Amino acid sequence: MSKESMKAREKKRRKMVRKYANKRAKLKAEGDYIGLSRLPRNSSPVRLHNRCQITGRPRGYMRQFGVSRITFREMASKGLIPGVKKASW
């Protein structure tokens, strides 16, 4: 479980990336790198990091489900994810 401040920081970054996306694309198309450097650092999509929606864990993230591998395994075992079942052979 990550700290609430880390989750909040990531949420703030996502909001800022959405806010400046059009402006950033326009400046990039024009080749205005000085203008790009004047935008806030957190408005860059490179600074985003995928986190588990439930626990906030930054590692072992599964894009298809939006959760970490540990949370995914728990949810799959409980039958909370439709179409997923434990393999056995």
PDB file of N, CA and C in Angstrom:
ATOM      1  N   MET A   1       0.838  -1.174   0.000  1.00  0.00           N
ATOM      2  CA  MET A   1       0.000   0.000   0.000  1.00  0.00           C
ATOM      3  C   MET A   1       0.886   1.241   0.000  1.00  0.00           C
ATOM      4  N   SER A   2       0.714   2.079  -0.991  1.00  0.00           N
ATOM      5  CA  SER A   2       1.530   3.291  -1.057  1.00  0.00           C
ATOM      6  C   SER A   2       0.887   4.408  -0.236  1.00  0.00           C
ATOM      7  N   LYS A   3       1.679   5.432   0.007  1.00  0.00           N
ATOM      8  CA  LYS A   3       1.177   6.566   0.781  1.00  0.00           C
ATOM      9  C   LYS A   3       0.115   7.308  -0.023  1.00  0.00           C
ATOM     10  N   GLU A   4      -0.812   7.894   0.684  1.00  0.00           N
ATOM     11  CA  GLU A   4      -1.878   8.660   0.033  1.00  0.00           C
ATOM     12  C   GLU A   4      -1.301   9.852  -0.738  1.00  0.00           C
ATOM     13  N   SER A   5      -0.197  10.405  -0.223  1.00  0.00           N
ATOM     14  CA  SER A   5       0.408  11.551  -0.903  1.00  0.00           C
ATOM     15  C   SER A   5       0.942  11.173  -2.284  1.00  0.00           C
ATOM     16  N   MET A   6       1.445   9.945  -2.412  1.00  0.00           N
ATOM     17  CA  MET A   6       1.954   9.483  -3.713  1.00  0.00           C
ATOM     18  C   MET A   6       0.799   9.314  -4.702  1.00  0.00           C
ATOM     19  N   LYS A   7      -0.306   8.759  -4.224  1.00  0.00           N
ATOM     20  CA  LYS A   7      -1.483   8.605  -5.080  1.00  0.00           C
ATOM     21  C   LYS A   7      -1.999   9.975  -5.525  1.00  0.00           C
ATOM     22  N   ALA A   8      -2.037  10.910  -4.589  1.00  0.00           N
ATOM     23  CA  ALA A   8      -2.527  12.261  -4.890  1.00  0.00           C
ATOM     24  C   ALA A   8      -1.614  12.962  -5.877  1.00  0.00           C
ATOM     25  N   ARG A   9      -0.314  12.787  -5.726  1.00  0.00           N
ATOM     26  CA  ARG A   9       0.663  13.415  -6.619  1.00  0.00           C
ATOM     27  C   ARG A   9       0.489  12.894  -8.041  1.00  0.00           C
ATOM     28  N   GLU A  10       0.273  11.578  -8.150  1.00  0.00           N
ATOM     29  CA  GLU A  10       0.081  10.971  -9.467  1.00  0.00           C
ATOM     30  C   GLU A  10      -1.211  11.463 -10.115  1.00  0.00           C
ATOM     31  N   LYS A  11      -2.256  11.603  -9.314  1.00  0.00           N
ATOM     32  CA  LYS A  11      -3.536  12.099  -9.817  1.00  0.00           C
ATOM     33  C   LYS A  11      -3.390  13.540 -10.318  1.00  0.00           C
ATOM     34  N   LYS A  12      -2.622  14.340  -9.570  1.00  0.00           N
ATOM     35  CA  LYS A  12      -2.373  15.731  -9.939  1.00  0.00           C
ATOM     36  C   LYS A  12      -1.609  15.803 -11.266  1.00  0.00           C
ATOM     37  N   ARG A  13      -0.632  14.911 -11.441  1.00  0.00           N
ATOM     38  CA  ARG A  13       0.135  14.875 -12.690  1.00  0.00           C
ATOM     39  C   ARG A  13      -0.756  14.524 -13.867  1.00  0.00           C
ATOM     40  N   ARG A  14      -1.624  13.524 -13.698  1.00  0.00           N
ATOM     41  CA  ARG A  14      -2.532  13.117 -14.785  1.00  0.00           C
ATOM     42  C   ARG A  14      -3.424  14.286 -15.204  1.00  0.00           C
ATOM     43  N   LYS A  15      -3.908  15.025 -14.211  1.00  0.00           N
ATOM     44  CA  LYS A  15      -4.766  16.176 -14.488  1.00  0.00           C
ATOM     45  C   LYS A  15      -3.998  17.241 -15.272  1.00  0.00           C
ATOM     46  N   MET A  16      -2.753  17.480 -14.882  1.00  0.00           N
ATOM     47  CA  MET A  16      -1.934  18.501 -15.532  1.00  0.00           C
ATOM     48  C   MET A  16      -1.570  18.088 -16.962  1.00  0.00           C
ATOM     49  N   VAL A  17      -1.316  16.806 -17.183  1.00  0.00           N
ATOM     50  CA  VAL A  17      -1.003  16.313 -18.533  1.00  0.00           C
ATOM     51  C   VAL A  17      -2.196  16.543 -19.456  1.00  0.00           C
ATOM     52  N   ARG A  18      -3.408  16.240 -18.959  1.00  0.00           N
ATOM     53  CA  ARG A  18      -4.609  16.468 -19.770  1.00  0.00           C
ATOM     54  C   ARG A  18      -4.802  17.957 -20.072  1.00  0.00           C
ATOM     55  N   LYS A  19      -4.527  18.793 -19.076  1.00  0.00           N
ATOM     56  CA  LYS A  19      -4.734  20.246 -19.225  1.00  0.00           C
ATOM     57  C   LYS A  19      -3.833  20.836 -20.309  1.00  0.00           C
ATOM     58  N   TYR A  20      -2.572  20.399 -20.346  1.00  0.00           N
ATOM     59  CA  TYR A  20      -1.600  20.985 -21.265  1.00  0.00           C
ATOM     60  C   TYR A  20      -1.373  20.170 -22.540  1.00  0.00           C
ATOM     61  N   ALA A  21      -2.135  19.120 -22.760  1.00  0.00           N
ATOM     62  CA  ALA A  21      -1.902  18.231 -23.904  1.00  0.00           C
ATOM     63  C   ALA A  21      -1.980  18.972 -25.243  1.00  0.00           C
ATOM     64  N   ASN A  22      -3.023  19.772 -25.437  1.00  0.00           N
ATOM     65  CA  ASN A  22      -3.192  20.484 -26.712  1.00  0.00           C
ATOM     66  C   ASN A  22      -2.085  21.510 -26.931  1.00  0.00           C
ATOM     67  N   LYS A  23      -1.777  22.265 -25.889  1.00  0.00           N
ATOM     68  CA  LYS A  23      -0.740  23.292 -25.989  1.00  0.00           C
ATOM     69  C   LYS A  23       0.616  22.652 -26.275  1.00  0.00           C
ATOM     70  N   ARG A  24       0.884  21.549 -25.604  1.00  0.00           N
ATOM     71  CA  ARG A  24       2.144  20.831 -25.783  1.00  0.00           C
ATOM     72  C   ARG A  24       2.261  20.299 -27.214  1.00  0.00           C
ATOM     73  N   ALA A  25       1.188  19.738 -27.744  1.00  0.00           N
ATOM     74  CA  ALA A  25       1.189  19.199 -29.108  1.00  0.00           C
ATOM     75  C   ALA A  25       1.421  20.311 -30.131  1.00  0.00           C
ATOM     76  N   LYS A  26       0.787  21.453 -29.898  1.00  0.00           N
ATOM     77  CA  LYS A  26       0.931  22.588 -30.813  1.00  0.00           C
ATOM     78  C   LYS A  26       2.378  23.095 -30.826  1.00  0.00           C
ATOM     79  N   LEU A  27       2.965  23.254 -29.642  1.00  0.00           N
ATOM     80  CA  LEU A  27       4.348  23.731 -29.547  1.00  0.00           C
ATOM     81  C   LEU A  27       5.318  22.729 -30.173  1.00  0.00           C
ATOM     82  N   LYS A  28       5.041  21.462 -29.979  1.00  0.00           N
ATOM     83  CA  LYS A  28       5.910  20.419 -30.528  1.00  0.00           C
ATOM     84  C   LYS A  28       5.858  20.413 -32.053  1.00  0.00           C
ATOM     85  N   ALA A  29       4.651  20.611 -32.607  1.00  0.00           N
ATOM     86  CA  ALA A  29       4.488  20.638 -34.060  1.00  0.00           C
ATOM     87  C   ALA A  29       5.225  21.823 -34.680  1.00  0.00           C
ATOM     88  N   GLU A  30       5.234  22.929 -33.963  1.00  0.00           N
ATOM     89  CA  GLU A  30       5.920  24.122 -34.444  1.00  0.00           C
ATOM     90  C   GLU A  30       7.435  24.037 -34.240  1.00  0.00           C
ATOM     91  N   GLY A  31       7.875  23.127 -33.409  1.00  0.00           N
ATOM     92  CA  GLY A  31       9.300  23.005 -33.117  1.00  0.00           C
ATOM     93  C   GLY A  31       9.781  24.030 -32.106  1.00  0.00           C
ATOM     94  N   ASP A  32       8.860  24.572 -31.330  1.00  0.00           N
ATOM     95  CA  ASP A  32       9.187  25.594 -30.329  1.00  0.00           C
ATOM     96  C   ASP A  32       9.586  24.918 -29.011  1.00  0.00           C
ATOM     97  N   TYR A  33      10.848  24.541 -28.918  1.00  0.00           N
ATOM     98  CA  TYR A  33      11.318  23.822 -27.740  1.00  0.00           C
ATOM     99  C   TYR A  33      11.545  24.747 -26.546  1.00  0.00           C
ATOM    100  N   ILE A  34      11.731  26.014 -26.809  1.00  0.00           N
ATOM    101  CA  ILE A  34      11.846  26.979 -25.710  1.00  0.00           C
ATOM    102  C   ILE A  34      10.482  27.143 -25.040  1.00  0.00           C
ATOM    103  N   GLY A  35       9.441  27.205 -25.847  1.00  0.00           N
ATOM    104  CA  GLY A  35       8.076  27.285 -25.317  1.00  0.00           C
ATOM    105  C   GLY A  35       7.711  26.032 -24.533  1.00  0.00           C
ATOM    106  N   LEU A  36       8.157  24.886 -25.046  1.00  0.00           N
ATOM    107  CA  LEU A  36       7.913  23.625 -24.339  1.00  0.00           C
ATOM    108  C   LEU A  36       8.599  23.610 -22.983  1.00  0.00           C
ATOM    109  N   SER A  37       9.812  24.148 -22.924  1.00  0.00           N
ATOM    110  CA  SER A  37      10.552  24.139 -21.668  1.00  0.00           C
ATOM    111  C   SER A  37       9.932  25.059 -20.624  1.00  0.00           C
ATOM    112  N   ARG A  38       9.110  25.996 -21.065  1.00  0.00           N
ATOM    113  CA  ARG A  38       8.458  26.913 -20.125  1.00  0.00           C
ATOM    114  C   ARG A  38       7.192  26.325 -19.514  1.00  0.00           C
ATOM    115  N   LEU A  39       6.698  25.234 -20.076  1.00  0.00           N
ATOM    116  CA  LEU A  39       5.525  24.575 -19.496  1.00  0.00           C
ATOM    117  C   LEU A  39       5.932  23.887 -18.187  1.00  0.00           C
ATOM    118  N   PRO A  40       4.968  23.644 -17.305  1.00  0.00           N
ATOM    119  CA  PRO A  40       5.299  22.962 -16.049  1.00  0.00           C
ATOM    120  C   PRO A  40       5.862  21.565 -16.305  1.00  0.00           C
ATOM    121  N   ARG A  41       6.809  21.158 -15.482  1.00  0.00           N
ATOM    122  CA  ARG A  41       7.437  19.842 -15.659  1.00  0.00           C
ATOM    123  C   ARG A  41       6.426  18.707 -15.569  1.00  0.00           C
ATOM    124  N   ASN A  42       5.497  18.825 -14.638  1.00  0.00           N
ATOM    125  CA  ASN A  42       4.529  17.749 -14.445  1.00  0.00           C
ATOM    126  C   ASN A  42       3.493  17.663 -15.564  1.00  0.00           C
ATOM    127  N   SER A  43       3.556  18.558 -16.535  1.00  0.00           N
ATOM    128  CA  SER A  43       2.628  18.483 -17.661  1.00  0.00           C
ATOM    129  C   SER A  43       3.151  17.540 -18.750  1.00  0.00           C
ATOM    130  N   SER A  44       4.355  17.022 -18.554  1.00  0.00           N
ATOM    131  CA  SER A  44       4.926  16.089 -19.515  1.00  0.00           C
ATOM    132  C   SER A  44       4.417  14.674 -19.252  1.00  0.00           C
ATOM    133  N   PRO A  45       3.905  13.988 -20.274  1.00  0.00           N
ATOM    134  CA  PRO A  45       3.380  12.635 -20.069  1.00  0.00           C
ATOM    135  C   PRO A  45       4.451  11.617 -19.681  1.00  0.00           C
ATOM    136  N   VAL A  46       5.718  11.941 -19.906  1.00  0.00           N
ATOM    137  CA  VAL A  46       6.810  11.036 -19.551  1.00  0.00           C
ATOM    138  C   VAL A  46       6.905  10.871 -18.032  1.00  0.00           C
ATOM    139  N   ARG A  47       6.470  11.875 -17.297  1.00  0.00           N
ATOM    140  CA  ARG A  47       6.577  11.845 -15.844  1.00  0.00           C
ATOM    141  C   ARG A  47       5.490  11.009 -15.171  1.00  0.00           C
ATOM    142  N   LEU A  48       4.507  10.550 -15.944  1.00  0.00           N
ATOM    143  CA  LEU A  48       3.455   9.700 -15.379  1.00  0.00           C
ATOM    144  C   LEU A  48       3.997   8.310 -15.094  1.00  0.00           C
ATOM    145  N   HIS A  49       3.451   7.688 -14.062  1.00  0.00           N
ATOM    146  CA  HIS A  49       3.852   6.328 -13.721  1.00  0.00           C
ATOM    147  C   HIS A  49       2.591   5.527 -13.437  1.00  0.00           C
ATOM    148  N   ASN A  50       2.469   4.367 -14.057  1.00  0.00           N
ATOM    149  CA  ASN A  50       1.288   3.541 -13.830  1.00  0.00           C
ATOM    150  C   ASN A  50       1.284   3.019 -12.402  1.00  0.00           C
ATOM    151  N   ARG A  51       0.124   3.133 -11.745  1.00  0.00           N
ATOM    152  CA  ARG A  51      -0.035   2.637 -10.383  1.00  0.00           C
ATOM    153  C   ARG A  51      -1.313   1.825 -10.284  1.00  0.00           C
ATOM    154  N   CYS A  52      -1.303   0.863  -9.372  1.00  0.00           N
ATOM    155  CA  CYS A  52      -2.487   0.054  -9.092  1.00  0.00           C
ATOM    156  C   CYS A  52      -3.604   0.972  -8.612  1.00  0.00           C
ATOM    157  N   GLN A  53      -4.803   0.800  -9.152  1.00  0.00           N
ATOM    158  CA  GLN A  53      -5.927   1.656  -8.783  1.00  0.00           C
ATOM    159  C   GLN A  53      -6.380   1.408  -7.347  1.00  0.00           C
ATOM    160  N   ILE A  54      -6.114   0.232  -6.832  1.00  0.00           N
ATOM    161  CA  ILE A  54      -6.588  -0.123  -5.501  1.00  0.00           C
ATOM    162  C   ILE A  54      -5.546   0.165  -4.428  1.00  0.00           C
ATOM    163  N   THR A  55      -4.325  -0.335  -4.616  1.00  0.00           N
ATOM    164  CA  THR A  55      -3.298  -0.191  -3.590  1.00  0.00           C
ATOM    165  C   THR A  55      -2.323   0.945  -3.860  1.00  0.00           C
ATOM    166  N   GLY A  56      -2.192   1.366  -5.115  1.00  0.00           N
ATOM    167  CA  GLY A  56      -1.246   2.418  -5.463  1.00  0.00           C
ATOM    168  C   GLY A  56       0.156   1.894  -5.714  1.00  0.00           C
ATOM    169  N   ARG A  57       0.306   0.577  -5.764  1.00  0.00           N
ATOM    170  CA  ARG A  57       1.619  -0.037  -5.982  1.00  0.00           C
ATOM    171  C   ARG A  57       2.145   0.320  -7.368  1.00  0.00           C
ATOM    172  N   PRO A  58       3.408   0.825  -7.465  1.00  0.00           N
ATOM    173  CA  PRO A  58       3.935   1.244  -8.761  1.00  0.00           C
ATOM    174  C   PRO A  58       4.564   0.120  -9.581  1.00  0.00           C
ATOM    175  N   ARG A  59       4.901  -0.981  -8.948  1.00  0.00           N
ATOM    176  CA  ARG A  59       5.559  -2.080  -9.673  1.00  0.00           C
ATOM    177  C   ARG A  59       4.603  -3.233  -9.900  1.00  0.00           C
ATOM    178  N   GLY A  60       4.891  -4.019 -10.934  1.00  0.00           N
ATOM    179  CA  GLY A  60       4.065  -5.183 -11.234  1.00  0.00           C
ATOM    180  C   GLY A  60       2.676  -4.786 -11.710  1.00  0.00           C
ATOM    181  N   TYR A  61       2.584  -3.690 -12.442  1.00  0.00           N
ATOM    182  CA  TYR A  61       1.309  -3.161 -12.922  1.00  0.00           C
ATOM    183  C   TYR A  61       0.867  -3.910 -14.171  1.00  0.00           C
ATOM    184  N   MET A  62      -0.397  -4.299 -14.228  1.00  0.00           N
ATOM    185  CA  MET A  62      -0.952  -4.985 -15.396  1.00  0.00           C
ATOM    186  C   MET A  62      -1.883  -4.008 -16.118  1.00  0.00           C
ATOM    187  N   ARG A  63      -1.460  -3.540 -17.283  1.00  0.00           N
ATOM    188  CA  ARG A  63      -2.208  -2.520 -18.019  1.00  0.00           C
ATOM    189  C   ARG A  63      -3.627  -2.938 -18.357  1.00  0.00           C
ATOM    190  N   GLN A  64      -3.778  -4.181 -18.751  1.00  0.00           N
ATOM    191  CA  GLN A  64      -5.080  -4.657 -19.202  1.00  0.00           C
ATOM    192  C   GLN A  64      -6.152  -4.540 -18.113  1.00  0.00           C
ATOM    193  N   PHE A  65      -5.731  -4.660 -16.849  1.00  0.00           N
ATOM    194  CA  PHE A  65      -6.685  -4.637 -15.751  1.00  0.00           C
ATOM    195  C   PHE A  65      -6.560  -3.406 -14.863  1.00  0.00           C
ATOM    196  N   GLY A  66      -5.454  -2.688 -14.944  1.00  0.00           N
ATOM    197  CA  GLY A  66      -5.266  -1.470 -14.169  1.00  0.00           C
ATOM    198  C   GLY A  66      -4.926  -1.704 -12.711  1.00  0.00           C
ATOM    199  N   VAL A  67      -4.471  -2.917 -12.391  1.00  0.00           N
ATOM    200  CA  VAL A  67      -4.098  -3.241 -11.012  1.00  0.00           C
ATOM    201  C   VAL A  67      -2.743  -3.933 -10.994  1.00  0.00           C
ATOM    202  N   SER A  68      -2.162  -4.043  -9.794  1.00  0.00           N
ATOM    203  CA  SER A  68      -0.874  -4.720  -9.659  1.00  0.00           C
ATOM    204  C   SER A  68      -1.074  -6.231  -9.722  1.00  0.00           C
ATOM    205  N   ARG A  69       0.007  -6.963  -9.890  1.00  0.00           N
ATOM    206  CA  ARG A  69      -0.061  -8.418 -10.011  1.00  0.00           C
ATOM    207  C   ARG A  69      -0.614  -9.064  -8.743  1.00  0.00           C
ATOM    208  N   ILE A  70      -0.300  -8.488  -7.598  1.00  0.00           N
ATOM    209  CA  ILE A  70      -0.761  -9.048  -6.324  1.00  0.00           C
ATOM    210  C   ILE A  70      -2.266  -8.870  -6.181  1.00  0.00           C
ATOM    211  N   THR A  71      -2.743  -7.669  -6.460  1.00  0.00           N
ATOM    212  CA  THR A  71      -4.177  -7.386  -6.387  1.00  0.00           C
ATOM    213  C   THR A  71      -4.927  -8.206  -7.417  1.00  0.00           C
ATOM    214  N   PHE A  72      -4.336  -8.339  -8.607  1.00  0.00           N
ATOM    215  CA  PHE A  72      -4.955  -9.127  -9.667  1.00  0.00           C
ATOM    216  C   PHE A  72      -5.157 -10.570  -9.219  1.00  0.00           C
ATOM    217  N   ARG A  73      -4.126 -11.137  -8.603  1.00  0.00           N
ATOM    218  CA  ARG A  73      -4.199 -12.536  -8.156  1.00  0.00           C
ATOM    219  C   ARG A  73      -5.287 -12.704  -7.091  1.00  0.00           C
ATOM    220  N   GLU A  74      -5.368 -11.777  -6.155  1.00  0.00           N
ATOM    221  CA  GLU A  74      -6.392 -11.844  -5.110  1.00  0.00           C
ATOM    222  C   GLU A  74      -7.793 -11.752  -5.717  1.00  0.00           C
ATOM    223  N   MET A  75      -7.964 -10.798  -6.637  1.00  0.00           N
ATOM    224  CA  MET A  75      -9.266 -10.608  -7.256  1.00  0.00           C
ATOM    225  C   MET A  75      -9.666 -11.804  -8.122  1.00  0.00           C
ATOM    226  N   ALA A  76      -8.695 -12.364  -8.835  1.00  0.00           N
ATOM    227  CA  ALA A  76      -8.982 -13.526  -9.684  1.00  0.00           C
ATOM    228  C   ALA A  76      -9.368 -14.733  -8.838  1.00  0.00           C
ATOM    229  N   SER A  77      -8.712 -14.911  -7.701  1.00  0.00           N
ATOM    230  CA  SER A  77      -9.012 -16.032  -6.809  1.00  0.00           C
ATOM    231  C   SER A  77     -10.416 -15.921  -6.224  1.00  0.00           C
ATOM    232  N   LYS A  78     -10.835 -14.691  -5.962  1.00  0.00           N
ATOM    233  CA  LYS A  78     -12.169 -14.459  -5.405  1.00  0.00           C
ATOM    234  C   LYS A  78     -13.258 -14.462  -6.483  1.00  0.00           C
ATOM    235  N   GLY A  79     -12.833 -14.483  -7.768  1.00  0.00           N
ATOM    236  CA  GLY A  79     -13.786 -14.488  -8.875  1.00  0.00           C
ATOM    237  C   GLY A  79     -14.339 -13.115  -9.196  1.00  0.00           C
ATOM    238  N   LEU A  80     -13.612 -12.073  -8.859  1.00  0.00           N
ATOM    239  CA  LEU A  80     -14.078 -10.707  -9.092  1.00  0.00           C
ATOM    240  C   LEU A  80     -13.778 -10.203 -10.496  1.00  0.00           C
ATOM    241  N   ILE A  81     -12.913 -10.907 -11.223  1.00  0.00           N
ATOM    242  CA  ILE A  81     -12.581 -10.505 -12.589  1.00  0.00           C
ATOM    243  C   ILE A  81     -13.236 -11.502 -13.541  1.00  0.00           C
ATOM    244  N   PRO A  82     -14.217 -11.054 -14.324  1.00  0.00           N
ATOM    245  CA  PRO A  82     -14.919 -11.977 -15.210  1.00  0.00           C
ATOM    246  C   PRO A  82     -14.011 -12.543 -16.302  1.00  0.00           C
ATOM    247  N   GLY A  83     -14.148 -13.827 -16.556  1.00  0.00           N
ATOM    248  CA  GLY A  83     -13.393 -14.490 -17.614  1.00  0.00           C
ATOM    249  C   GLY A  83     -11.990 -14.922 -17.223  1.00  0.00           C
ATOM    250  N   VAL A  84     -11.610 -14.710 -15.978  1.00  0.00           N
ATOM    251  CA  VAL A  84     -10.272 -15.093 -15.535  1.00  0.00           C
ATOM    252  C   VAL A  84     -10.406 -16.180 -14.501  1.00  0.00           C
ATOM    253  N   LYS A  85      -9.650 -17.276 -14.711  1.00  0.00           N
ATOM    254  CA  LYS A  85      -9.643 -18.340 -13.712  1.00  0.00           C
ATOM    255  C   LYS A  85      -8.237 -18.893 -13.587  1.00  0.00           C
ATOM    256  N   LYS A  86      -7.958 -19.490 -12.473  1.00  0.00           N
ATOM    257  CA  LYS A  86      -6.646 -20.007 -12.197  1.00  0.00           C
ATOM    258  C   LYS A  86      -6.361 -21.193 -13.114  1.00  0.00           C
ATOM    259  N   ALA A  87      -5.191 -21.177 -13.719  1.00  0.00           N
ATOM    260  CA  ALA A  87      -4.810 -22.260 -14.628  1.00  0.00           C
ATOM    261  C   ALA A  87      -4.338 -23.467 -13.833  1.00  0.00           C
ATOM    262  N   SER A  88      -4.644 -24.631 -14.334  1.00  0.00           N
ATOM    263  CA  SER A  88      -4.131 -25.869 -13.712  1.00  0.00           C
ATOM    264  C   SER A  88      -3.957 -26.910 -14.815  1.00  0.00           C
ATOM    265  N   TRP A  89      -2.810 -27.544 -14.831  1.00  0.00           N
ATOM    266  CA  TRP A  89      -2.546 -28.594 -15.816  1.00  0.00           C
ATOM    267  C   TRP A  89      -1.631 -29.634 -15.264  1.00  0.00           C
TER     268      TRP A  89
END
